[in-house]
């Protein structure tokens, strides 16, 4: 479980600068944008080589959950599960 917490901590460290960059350009957090931010953050975290792909896949939004990828505003209403990376991005966006 420590490896999962370490991966989440790495995501929490990477998210603020990525979100700040996109927030200054975009203005609203859409589904398309949250997916782009997720990919960027996980790419940054993966590039350190400290976290396995398997662990990073555990904290990302799985395709199975079928989150939208369009330009509607992000809302987790009606979703039973919120992946860790999406949760951290949403928190940073609204802080």
N, C-alpha and C. Protein backbone atom coordinates (compact mmCIF):
# COMPACT_ATOMS: atom_id res chain seq x y z
N UNK A 1 0.82 -1.20 0.00
CA UNK A 1 0.00 0.00 0.00
C UNK A 1 0.87 1.26 0.00
N UNK A 2 2.08 1.15 0.52
CA UNK A 2 2.98 2.31 0.53
C UNK A 2 3.25 2.83 -0.87
N UNK A 3 3.35 1.93 -1.86
CA UNK A 3 3.63 2.37 -3.22
C UNK A 3 2.46 3.17 -3.79
N UNK A 4 1.26 2.83 -3.40
CA UNK A 4 0.08 3.57 -3.84
C UNK A 4 0.06 4.96 -3.22
N UNK A 5 0.37 5.04 -1.92
CA UNK A 5 0.43 6.34 -1.26
C UNK A 5 1.55 7.20 -1.83
N UNK A 6 2.67 6.58 -2.17
CA UNK A 6 3.79 7.32 -2.76
C UNK A 6 3.40 7.88 -4.13
N UNK A 7 2.68 7.10 -4.91
CA UNK A 7 2.23 7.56 -6.23
C UNK A 7 1.24 8.71 -6.08
N UNK A 8 0.33 8.59 -5.12
CA UNK A 8 -0.63 9.68 -4.88
C UNK A 8 0.11 10.94 -4.45
N UNK A 9 1.11 10.80 -3.60
CA UNK A 9 1.89 11.96 -3.15
C UNK A 9 2.60 12.61 -4.33
N UNK A 10 3.12 11.81 -5.24
CA UNK A 10 3.80 12.35 -6.42
C UNK A 10 2.81 13.11 -7.31
N UNK A 11 1.60 12.56 -7.44
CA UNK A 11 0.55 13.24 -8.21
C UNK A 11 0.19 14.56 -7.54
N UNK A 12 0.00 14.54 -6.23
CA UNK A 12 -0.33 15.77 -5.50
C UNK A 12 0.75 16.83 -5.65
N UNK A 13 1.99 16.41 -5.78
CA UNK A 13 3.09 17.35 -5.97
C UNK A 13 3.10 17.93 -7.39
N UNK A 14 2.76 17.10 -8.38
CA UNK A 14 2.81 17.51 -9.78
C UNK A 14 1.59 18.33 -10.22
N UNK A 15 0.45 18.08 -9.62
CA UNK A 15 -0.81 18.68 -10.08
C UNK A 15 -0.85 20.21 -10.00
N UNK A 16 -0.44 20.85 -8.91
CA UNK A 16 -0.64 22.31 -8.83
C UNK A 16 -0.06 23.11 -10.00
N UNK A 17 1.15 22.80 -10.43
CA UNK A 17 1.74 23.58 -11.53
C UNK A 17 1.04 23.30 -12.85
N UNK A 18 0.65 22.05 -13.07
CA UNK A 18 -0.06 21.71 -14.31
C UNK A 18 -1.43 22.38 -14.33
N UNK A 19 -2.13 22.31 -13.23
CA UNK A 19 -3.45 22.94 -13.15
C UNK A 19 -3.33 24.45 -13.31
N UNK A 20 -2.35 25.06 -12.66
CA UNK A 20 -2.17 26.52 -12.77
C UNK A 20 -1.95 26.93 -14.22
N UNK A 21 -1.16 26.17 -14.93
CA UNK A 21 -0.90 26.48 -16.34
C UNK A 21 -2.20 26.43 -17.16
N UNK A 22 -2.95 25.36 -17.01
CA UNK A 22 -4.19 25.20 -17.78
C UNK A 22 -5.28 26.16 -17.32
N UNK A 23 -5.33 26.41 -16.04
CA UNK A 23 -6.37 27.30 -15.51
C UNK A 23 -6.22 28.71 -16.06
N UNK A 24 -4.98 29.15 -16.22
CA UNK A 24 -4.75 30.50 -16.75
C UNK A 24 -5.16 30.61 -18.21
N UNK A 25 -5.18 29.48 -18.92
CA UNK A 25 -5.53 29.49 -20.34
C UNK A 25 -6.97 29.08 -20.63
N UNK A 26 -7.54 28.25 -19.79
CA UNK A 26 -8.84 27.64 -20.09
C UNK A 26 -10.03 28.30 -19.40
N UNK A 27 -9.93 28.58 -18.12
CA UNK A 27 -11.02 29.20 -17.39
C UNK A 27 -12.01 28.26 -16.74
N UNK A 28 -12.32 27.14 -17.39
CA UNK A 28 -13.29 26.19 -16.82
C UNK A 28 -12.74 24.78 -16.96
N UNK A 29 -13.02 23.95 -15.98
CA UNK A 29 -12.57 22.56 -16.01
C UNK A 29 -13.61 21.71 -16.71
N UNK A 30 -13.29 21.29 -17.92
CA UNK A 30 -14.18 20.44 -18.71
C UNK A 30 -13.67 19.00 -18.66
N UNK A 31 -14.51 18.09 -19.13
CA UNK A 31 -14.10 16.69 -19.16
C UNK A 31 -12.90 16.50 -20.08
N UNK A 32 -12.91 17.15 -21.22
CA UNK A 32 -11.77 17.02 -22.14
C UNK A 32 -10.49 17.52 -21.47
N UNK A 33 -10.59 18.63 -20.76
CA UNK A 33 -9.42 19.21 -20.10
C UNK A 33 -8.92 18.34 -18.95
N UNK A 34 -9.82 17.80 -18.15
CA UNK A 34 -9.37 16.98 -17.02
C UNK A 34 -8.64 15.74 -17.53
N UNK A 35 -9.07 15.19 -18.66
CA UNK A 35 -8.36 14.05 -19.24
C UNK A 35 -6.97 14.47 -19.74
N UNK A 36 -6.87 15.66 -20.34
CA UNK A 36 -5.55 16.15 -20.79
C UNK A 36 -4.62 16.39 -19.61
N UNK A 37 -5.16 17.00 -18.55
CA UNK A 37 -4.35 17.26 -17.35
C UNK A 37 -3.91 15.94 -16.73
N UNK A 38 -4.82 14.99 -16.65
CA UNK A 38 -4.48 13.68 -16.09
C UNK A 38 -3.31 13.06 -16.86
N UNK A 39 -3.39 13.08 -18.17
CA UNK A 39 -2.32 12.49 -18.99
C UNK A 39 -1.00 13.22 -18.77
N UNK A 40 -1.05 14.53 -18.68
CA UNK A 40 0.17 15.32 -18.47
C UNK A 40 0.78 15.02 -17.10
N UNK A 41 -0.04 15.01 -16.07
CA UNK A 41 0.44 14.74 -14.71
C UNK A 41 1.02 13.34 -14.61
N UNK A 42 0.30 12.34 -15.12
CA UNK A 42 0.80 10.97 -15.05
C UNK A 42 2.05 10.79 -15.89
N UNK A 43 2.16 11.52 -16.99
CA UNK A 43 3.38 11.49 -17.78
C UNK A 43 4.56 12.05 -17.00
N UNK A 44 4.32 13.16 -16.30
CA UNK A 44 5.37 13.75 -15.47
C UNK A 44 5.80 12.80 -14.36
N UNK A 45 4.84 12.20 -13.69
CA UNK A 45 5.13 11.28 -12.59
C UNK A 45 5.84 10.02 -13.12
N UNK A 46 5.38 9.51 -14.25
CA UNK A 46 6.00 8.31 -14.83
C UNK A 46 7.44 8.58 -15.25
N UNK A 47 7.70 9.79 -15.72
CA UNK A 47 9.05 10.11 -16.21
C UNK A 47 10.11 10.07 -15.10
N UNK A 48 9.68 10.11 -13.86
CA UNK A 48 10.65 10.02 -12.77
C UNK A 48 11.19 8.61 -12.61
N UNK A 49 10.44 7.62 -13.12
CA UNK A 49 10.85 6.23 -13.01
C UNK A 49 10.66 5.65 -11.62
N UNK A 50 10.01 6.38 -10.73
CA UNK A 50 9.84 5.92 -9.35
C UNK A 50 8.57 5.10 -9.13
N UNK A 51 7.68 5.07 -10.11
CA UNK A 51 6.38 4.42 -9.93
C UNK A 51 6.10 3.51 -11.12
N UNK A 52 5.65 2.32 -10.84
CA UNK A 52 5.36 1.37 -11.92
C UNK A 52 4.11 1.78 -12.68
N UNK A 53 4.04 1.34 -13.92
CA UNK A 53 2.85 1.61 -14.74
C UNK A 53 1.61 1.02 -14.07
N UNK A 54 1.76 -0.15 -13.46
CA UNK A 54 0.63 -0.80 -12.79
C UNK A 54 0.06 0.08 -11.68
N UNK A 55 0.92 0.68 -10.89
CA UNK A 55 0.46 1.56 -9.80
C UNK A 55 -0.18 2.82 -10.37
N UNK A 56 0.43 3.41 -11.39
CA UNK A 56 -0.15 4.61 -11.99
C UNK A 56 -1.50 4.31 -12.63
N UNK A 57 -1.64 3.13 -13.21
CA UNK A 57 -2.93 2.73 -13.78
C UNK A 57 -4.00 2.59 -12.70
N UNK A 58 -3.59 2.26 -11.49
CA UNK A 58 -4.55 2.10 -10.39
C UNK A 58 -5.13 3.44 -9.92
N UNK A 59 -4.43 4.54 -10.15
CA UNK A 59 -4.92 5.83 -9.65
C UNK A 59 -5.48 6.71 -10.75
N UNK A 60 -5.44 6.25 -11.98
CA UNK A 60 -5.99 7.02 -13.09
C UNK A 60 -7.45 6.65 -13.34
N UNK A 61 -8.11 7.39 -14.21
CA UNK A 61 -9.50 7.09 -14.56
C UNK A 61 -9.53 5.94 -15.56
N UNK A 62 -10.05 4.79 -15.16
CA UNK A 62 -10.11 3.65 -16.08
C UNK A 62 -11.18 3.86 -17.15
N UNK A 63 -10.91 3.39 -18.34
CA UNK A 63 -11.88 3.51 -19.44
C UNK A 63 -13.20 2.85 -19.09
N UNK A 64 -13.15 1.84 -18.26
CA UNK A 64 -14.34 1.10 -17.84
C UNK A 64 -15.40 2.02 -17.21
N UNK A 65 -14.95 3.08 -16.54
CA UNK A 65 -15.90 3.99 -15.88
C UNK A 65 -16.57 4.95 -16.86
N UNK A 66 -16.06 5.02 -18.07
CA UNK A 66 -16.66 5.80 -19.14
C UNK A 66 -16.95 7.25 -18.78
N UNK A 67 -15.96 7.92 -18.21
CA UNK A 67 -16.12 9.36 -17.97
C UNK A 67 -16.19 10.07 -19.31
N UNK A 68 -17.01 11.12 -19.41
CA UNK A 68 -17.11 11.85 -20.67
C UNK A 68 -15.76 12.44 -21.09
N UNK A 69 -15.62 12.75 -22.36
CA UNK A 69 -14.39 13.36 -22.88
C UNK A 69 -14.73 14.58 -23.73
N UNK A 70 -15.84 15.22 -23.39
CA UNK A 70 -16.30 16.36 -24.17
C UNK A 70 -16.06 17.67 -23.43
N UNK A 71 -16.67 18.73 -23.91
CA UNK A 71 -16.44 20.06 -23.35
C UNK A 71 -17.45 20.49 -22.30
N UNK A 72 -18.20 19.53 -21.76
CA UNK A 72 -19.09 19.87 -20.64
C UNK A 72 -18.25 20.06 -19.39
N UNK A 73 -18.77 20.87 -18.45
CA UNK A 73 -18.08 21.07 -17.19
C UNK A 73 -18.03 19.77 -16.39
N UNK A 74 -16.92 19.57 -15.70
CA UNK A 74 -16.75 18.37 -14.89
C UNK A 74 -17.72 18.40 -13.72
N UNK A 75 -18.41 17.29 -13.54
CA UNK A 75 -19.26 17.09 -12.38
C UNK A 75 -19.22 15.60 -12.06
N UNK A 76 -18.93 15.30 -10.80
CA UNK A 76 -18.87 13.90 -10.39
C UNK A 76 -20.20 13.40 -9.85
N UNK A 77 -21.24 14.21 -9.95
CA UNK A 77 -22.58 13.79 -9.55
C UNK A 77 -22.99 12.59 -10.39
N UNK A 78 -23.44 11.56 -9.71
CA UNK A 78 -23.87 10.36 -10.40
C UNK A 78 -22.77 9.34 -10.63
N UNK A 79 -21.54 9.71 -10.31
CA UNK A 79 -20.43 8.77 -10.43
C UNK A 79 -20.13 8.20 -9.05
N UNK A 80 -20.15 6.89 -8.97
CA UNK A 80 -19.91 6.23 -7.68
C UNK A 80 -18.45 6.26 -7.27
N UNK A 81 -17.56 6.33 -8.25
CA UNK A 81 -16.12 6.28 -7.99
C UNK A 81 -15.45 7.48 -8.64
N UNK A 82 -14.58 8.14 -7.89
CA UNK A 82 -13.79 9.23 -8.44
C UNK A 82 -12.32 8.81 -8.33
N UNK A 83 -11.67 8.60 -9.48
CA UNK A 83 -10.27 8.19 -9.45
C UNK A 83 -9.40 9.23 -8.73
N UNK A 84 -8.33 8.76 -8.11
CA UNK A 84 -7.46 9.64 -7.31
C UNK A 84 -6.97 10.83 -8.12
N UNK A 85 -6.50 10.60 -9.32
CA UNK A 85 -5.95 11.71 -10.10
C UNK A 85 -7.03 12.74 -10.41
N UNK A 86 -8.21 12.32 -10.79
CA UNK A 86 -9.30 13.26 -11.04
C UNK A 86 -9.64 14.05 -9.77
N UNK A 87 -9.67 13.37 -8.64
CA UNK A 87 -9.99 14.04 -7.38
C UNK A 87 -8.97 15.13 -7.07
N UNK A 88 -7.70 14.81 -7.22
CA UNK A 88 -6.64 15.78 -6.92
C UNK A 88 -6.70 16.96 -7.89
N UNK A 89 -6.95 16.69 -9.16
CA UNK A 89 -7.06 17.77 -10.16
C UNK A 89 -8.24 18.66 -9.80
N UNK A 90 -9.39 18.08 -9.51
CA UNK A 90 -10.58 18.85 -9.17
C UNK A 90 -10.35 19.71 -7.93
N UNK A 91 -9.71 19.13 -6.91
CA UNK A 91 -9.41 19.90 -5.70
C UNK A 91 -8.50 21.09 -6.02
N UNK A 92 -7.46 20.85 -6.80
CA UNK A 92 -6.53 21.93 -7.14
C UNK A 92 -7.21 23.00 -8.00
N UNK A 93 -8.08 22.59 -8.89
CA UNK A 93 -8.77 23.53 -9.77
C UNK A 93 -9.65 24.47 -8.95
N UNK A 94 -10.29 23.94 -7.93
CA UNK A 94 -11.25 24.71 -7.16
C UNK A 94 -10.67 25.32 -5.87
N UNK A 95 -9.37 25.26 -5.72
CA UNK A 95 -8.77 25.85 -4.51
C UNK A 95 -8.32 27.28 -4.75
